[in-house]
Amino acid sequence: MYEFKEEFDRKEKKYKIYLFLFIISVLINTFIDIFDLGIEKVSGVRIVISLLIYSVIFYFGLRRKFWAELMIKFFVWLNIILLFLIITVKILGL
């Protein structure tokens, strides 16, 4: 199916925004894992495995694999929802 240039540009911009948000969420998750907010011991294995999984998903996302793009969107939306939940809990003081 053919696309108009504007439609292709819109999809490309949306894809780049998802990639940017994925990178930001990976950095935030790595920061939380390294400093283990609330837990005393830091698990180096957990950090390495999570970075490996994120890098594989990112690599295949750049290759435009459908499953990787779906995982990137899933991680971005999951982190957005969790961020709103954390902000809500902090504001309400629960």
N, C-alpha and C. Protein backbone atom coordinates (compact mmCIF):
# COMPACT_ATOMS: atom_id res chain seq x y z
N MET A 1 0.84 -1.17 0.00
CA MET A 1 0.00 0.00 0.00
C MET A 1 0.89 1.24 0.00
N TYR A 2 0.56 2.17 -0.82
CA TYR A 2 1.37 3.37 -0.97
C TYR A 2 0.97 4.41 0.06
N GLU A 3 1.96 5.22 0.49
CA GLU A 3 1.72 6.29 1.44
C GLU A 3 2.11 7.63 0.82
N PHE A 4 1.42 8.66 1.25
CA PHE A 4 1.82 10.00 0.86
C PHE A 4 3.03 10.41 1.68
N LYS A 5 3.76 11.39 1.20
CA LYS A 5 4.98 11.84 1.87
C LYS A 5 4.67 12.36 3.27
N GLU A 6 3.58 13.10 3.43
CA GLU A 6 3.22 13.64 4.73
C GLU A 6 2.93 12.53 5.73
N GLU A 7 2.24 11.49 5.26
CA GLU A 7 1.92 10.36 6.13
C GLU A 7 3.18 9.62 6.55
N PHE A 8 4.11 9.44 5.61
CA PHE A 8 5.37 8.79 5.93
C PHE A 8 6.18 9.62 6.92
N ASP A 9 6.21 10.93 6.72
CA ASP A 9 6.94 11.81 7.63
C ASP A 9 6.33 11.78 9.03
N ARG A 10 5.01 11.73 9.11
CA ARG A 10 4.35 11.67 10.41
C ARG A 10 4.68 10.37 11.14
N LYS A 11 4.66 9.25 10.42
CA LYS A 11 5.00 7.97 11.02
C LYS A 11 6.46 7.93 11.45
N GLU A 12 7.33 8.52 10.65
CA GLU A 12 8.76 8.55 10.97
C GLU A 12 9.02 9.40 12.21
N LYS A 13 8.33 10.53 12.32
CA LYS A 13 8.49 11.39 13.50
C LYS A 13 7.99 10.68 14.75
N LYS A 14 6.86 10.00 14.64
CA LYS A 14 6.32 9.25 15.77
C LYS A 14 7.28 8.13 16.19
N TYR A 15 7.88 7.46 15.22
CA TYR A 15 8.85 6.40 15.50
C TYR A 15 10.07 6.95 16.22
N LYS A 16 10.56 8.11 15.79
CA LYS A 16 11.74 8.71 16.43
C LYS A 16 11.42 9.17 17.85
N ILE A 17 10.21 9.64 18.08
CA ILE A 17 9.81 10.04 19.43
C ILE A 17 9.77 8.83 20.34
N TYR A 18 9.23 7.72 19.85
CA TYR A 18 9.21 6.49 20.65
C TYR A 18 10.64 6.02 20.97
N LEU A 19 11.54 6.10 20.00
CA LEU A 19 12.92 5.71 20.26
C LEU A 19 13.56 6.61 21.31
N PHE A 20 13.33 7.91 21.22
CA PHE A 20 13.88 8.83 22.20
C PHE A 20 13.33 8.55 23.59
N LEU A 21 12.02 8.35 23.70
CA LEU A 21 11.41 8.05 25.00
C LEU A 21 11.89 6.70 25.54
N PHE A 22 12.15 5.75 24.64
CA PHE A 22 12.68 4.45 25.07
C PHE A 22 14.07 4.63 25.67
N ILE A 23 14.91 5.42 25.03
CA ILE A 23 16.26 5.66 25.56
C ILE A 23 16.19 6.35 26.92
N ILE A 24 15.32 7.33 27.05
CA ILE A 24 15.16 8.03 28.32
C ILE A 24 14.68 7.07 29.41
N SER A 25 13.71 6.21 29.07
CA SER A 25 13.19 5.26 30.08
C SER A 25 14.25 4.22 30.45
N VAL A 26 15.08 3.81 29.51
CA VAL A 26 16.17 2.89 29.83
C VAL A 26 17.16 3.55 30.77
N LEU A 27 17.48 4.81 30.53
CA LEU A 27 18.40 5.52 31.42
C LEU A 27 17.83 5.67 32.82
N ILE A 28 16.55 5.99 32.91
CA ILE A 28 15.90 6.12 34.22
C ILE A 28 15.87 4.78 34.94
N ASN A 29 15.50 3.71 34.22
CA ASN A 29 15.47 2.39 34.85
C ASN A 29 16.86 1.94 35.29
N THR A 30 17.88 2.24 34.51
CA THR A 30 19.24 1.89 34.89
C THR A 30 19.67 2.69 36.12
N PHE A 31 19.32 3.96 36.15
CA PHE A 31 19.62 4.79 37.32
C PHE A 31 18.95 4.21 38.57
N ILE A 32 17.70 3.83 38.46
CA ILE A 32 16.99 3.25 39.60
C ILE A 32 17.62 1.92 40.00
N ASP A 33 18.01 1.10 39.02
CA ASP A 33 18.66 -0.17 39.33
C ASP A 33 20.01 0.02 40.01
N ILE A 34 20.78 0.99 39.55
CA ILE A 34 22.11 1.20 40.13
C ILE A 34 22.00 1.69 41.57
N PHE A 35 21.13 2.63 41.80
CA PHE A 35 21.01 3.18 43.14
C PHE A 35 19.99 2.46 43.99
N ASP A 36 19.27 1.50 43.41
CA ASP A 36 18.34 0.63 44.13
C ASP A 36 17.54 1.39 45.19
N LEU A 37 16.68 2.22 44.72
CA LEU A 37 15.91 3.04 45.64
C LEU A 37 15.06 2.17 46.56
N GLY A 38 15.46 2.10 47.81
CA GLY A 38 14.73 1.32 48.79
C GLY A 38 15.31 -0.05 49.09
N ILE A 39 16.30 -0.50 48.35
CA ILE A 39 16.91 -1.81 48.58
C ILE A 39 18.39 -1.60 48.87
N GLU A 40 18.93 -2.35 49.81
CA GLU A 40 20.30 -2.10 50.24
C GLU A 40 21.35 -2.70 49.31
N LYS A 41 21.10 -3.88 48.75
CA LYS A 41 22.10 -4.54 47.91
C LYS A 41 21.83 -4.25 46.44
N VAL A 42 22.91 -3.98 45.72
CA VAL A 42 22.81 -3.73 44.28
C VAL A 42 23.18 -5.02 43.56
N SER A 43 22.34 -5.46 42.66
CA SER A 43 22.60 -6.67 41.90
C SER A 43 23.20 -6.30 40.55
N GLY A 44 24.48 -6.56 40.41
CA GLY A 44 25.15 -6.26 39.15
C GLY A 44 24.65 -7.10 38.00
N VAL A 45 24.28 -8.34 38.32
CA VAL A 45 23.78 -9.24 37.28
C VAL A 45 22.47 -8.72 36.71
N ARG A 46 21.61 -8.21 37.58
CA ARG A 46 20.33 -7.67 37.12
C ARG A 46 20.54 -6.47 36.21
N ILE A 47 21.49 -5.62 36.54
CA ILE A 47 21.78 -4.44 35.73
C ILE A 47 22.30 -4.85 34.36
N VAL A 48 23.23 -5.80 34.33
CA VAL A 48 23.82 -6.24 33.06
C VAL A 48 22.78 -6.92 32.18
N ILE A 49 21.96 -7.78 32.76
CA ILE A 49 20.94 -8.49 31.98
C ILE A 49 19.91 -7.50 31.43
N SER A 50 19.48 -6.54 32.25
CA SER A 50 18.49 -5.59 31.76
C SER A 50 19.07 -4.71 30.65
N LEU A 51 20.32 -4.28 30.78
CA LEU A 51 20.94 -3.49 29.72
C LEU A 51 21.12 -4.31 28.45
N LEU A 52 21.42 -5.59 28.59
CA LEU A 52 21.55 -6.46 27.43
C LEU A 52 20.21 -6.61 26.71
N ILE A 53 19.15 -6.81 27.47
CA ILE A 53 17.82 -6.95 26.87
C ILE A 53 17.40 -5.65 26.19
N TYR A 54 17.62 -4.51 26.88
CA TYR A 54 17.29 -3.22 26.29
C TYR A 54 18.07 -2.97 25.01
N SER A 55 19.35 -3.34 25.00
CA SER A 55 20.16 -3.09 23.80
C SER A 55 19.72 -3.99 22.63
N VAL A 56 19.31 -5.22 22.92
CA VAL A 56 18.82 -6.11 21.85
C VAL A 56 17.52 -5.55 21.28
N ILE A 57 16.63 -5.11 22.15
CA ILE A 57 15.36 -4.53 21.68
C ILE A 57 15.63 -3.27 20.87
N PHE A 58 16.55 -2.43 21.34
CA PHE A 58 16.88 -1.19 20.63
C PHE A 58 17.50 -1.48 19.27
N TYR A 59 18.41 -2.48 19.22
CA TYR A 59 19.06 -2.83 17.96
C TYR A 59 18.04 -3.28 16.92
N PHE A 60 17.16 -4.20 17.33
CA PHE A 60 16.17 -4.68 16.38
C PHE A 60 15.10 -3.63 16.10
N GLY A 61 14.89 -2.70 17.04
CA GLY A 61 13.98 -1.59 16.79
C GLY A 61 14.52 -0.66 15.71
N LEU A 62 15.85 -0.47 15.71
CA LEU A 62 16.45 0.33 14.64
C LEU A 62 16.40 -0.38 13.30
N ARG A 63 16.34 -1.71 13.33
CA ARG A 63 16.21 -2.50 12.10
C ARG A 63 14.76 -2.61 11.63
N ARG A 64 13.86 -1.96 12.39
CA ARG A 64 12.43 -1.92 12.05
C ARG A 64 11.74 -3.27 12.11
N LYS A 65 12.14 -4.11 13.05
CA LYS A 65 11.43 -5.37 13.27
C LYS A 65 10.13 -5.07 14.03
N PHE A 66 9.07 -5.71 13.62
CA PHE A 66 7.75 -5.41 14.18
C PHE A 66 7.70 -5.70 15.68
N TRP A 67 8.23 -6.85 16.09
CA TRP A 67 8.16 -7.23 17.50
C TRP A 67 8.97 -6.25 18.37
N ALA A 68 10.08 -5.75 17.85
CA ALA A 68 10.89 -4.81 18.62
C ALA A 68 10.18 -3.46 18.74
N GLU A 69 9.56 -3.01 17.66
CA GLU A 69 8.81 -1.76 17.72
C GLU A 69 7.66 -1.89 18.71
N LEU A 70 7.02 -3.04 18.74
CA LEU A 70 5.94 -3.28 19.68
C LEU A 70 6.46 -3.27 21.12
N MET A 71 7.62 -3.87 21.36
CA MET A 71 8.22 -3.88 22.69
C MET A 71 8.62 -2.47 23.12
N ILE A 72 9.15 -1.68 22.19
CA ILE A 72 9.53 -0.31 22.51
C ILE A 72 8.30 0.50 22.92
N LYS A 73 7.22 0.37 22.15
CA LYS A 73 5.99 1.07 22.50
C LYS A 73 5.45 0.60 23.85
N PHE A 74 5.52 -0.71 24.09
CA PHE A 74 5.05 -1.26 25.36
C PHE A 74 5.85 -0.70 26.53
N PHE A 75 7.18 -0.69 26.42
CA PHE A 75 8.01 -0.17 27.50
C PHE A 75 7.78 1.31 27.74
N VAL A 76 7.61 2.06 26.67
CA VAL A 76 7.38 3.51 26.82
C VAL A 76 6.07 3.76 27.53
N TRP A 77 5.00 3.11 27.09
CA TRP A 77 3.70 3.33 27.73
C TRP A 77 3.67 2.79 29.16
N LEU A 78 4.33 1.67 29.40
CA LEU A 78 4.40 1.14 30.76
C LEU A 78 5.11 2.12 31.69
N ASN A 79 6.21 2.68 31.23
CA ASN A 79 6.94 3.64 32.06
C ASN A 79 6.16 4.93 32.27
N ILE A 80 5.40 5.37 31.28
CA ILE A 80 4.57 6.56 31.45
C ILE A 80 3.48 6.31 32.49
N ILE A 81 2.84 5.17 32.43
CA ILE A 81 1.80 4.83 33.41
C ILE A 81 2.39 4.71 34.80
N LEU A 82 3.54 4.05 34.91
CA LEU A 82 4.18 3.92 36.22
C LEU A 82 4.62 5.27 36.77
N LEU A 83 5.08 6.17 35.91
CA LEU A 83 5.47 7.49 36.35
C LEU A 83 4.28 8.25 36.92
N PHE A 84 3.13 8.17 36.24
CA PHE A 84 1.93 8.82 36.76
C PHE A 84 1.48 8.21 38.08
N LEU A 85 1.61 6.90 38.22
CA LEU A 85 1.26 6.25 39.49
C LEU A 85 2.19 6.69 40.61
N ILE A 86 3.49 6.78 40.33
CA ILE A 86 4.44 7.21 41.34
C ILE A 86 4.18 8.66 41.75
N ILE A 87 3.91 9.52 40.79
CA ILE A 87 3.61 10.92 41.10
C ILE A 87 2.34 11.03 41.92
N THR A 88 1.32 10.26 41.57
CA THR A 88 0.05 10.27 42.31
C THR A 88 0.25 9.82 43.75
N VAL A 89 1.01 8.76 43.94
CA VAL A 89 1.26 8.25 45.29
C VAL A 89 2.06 9.26 46.11
N LYS A 90 3.04 9.90 45.49
CA LYS A 90 3.84 10.90 46.20
C LYS A 90 3.01 12.12 46.59
N ILE A 91 2.11 12.54 45.69
CA ILE A 91 1.27 13.71 46.00
C ILE A 91 0.27 13.39 47.09
N LEU A 92 -0.37 12.22 47.00
CA LEU A 92 -1.37 11.86 48.00
C LEU A 92 -0.74 11.40 49.31
N GLY A 93 0.53 11.04 49.28
CA GLY A 93 1.23 10.64 50.50
C GLY A 93 0.83 9.28 51.02
N LEU A 94 0.50 8.38 50.12
CA LEU A 94 0.09 7.04 50.55
C LEU A 94 1.26 6.17 50.93
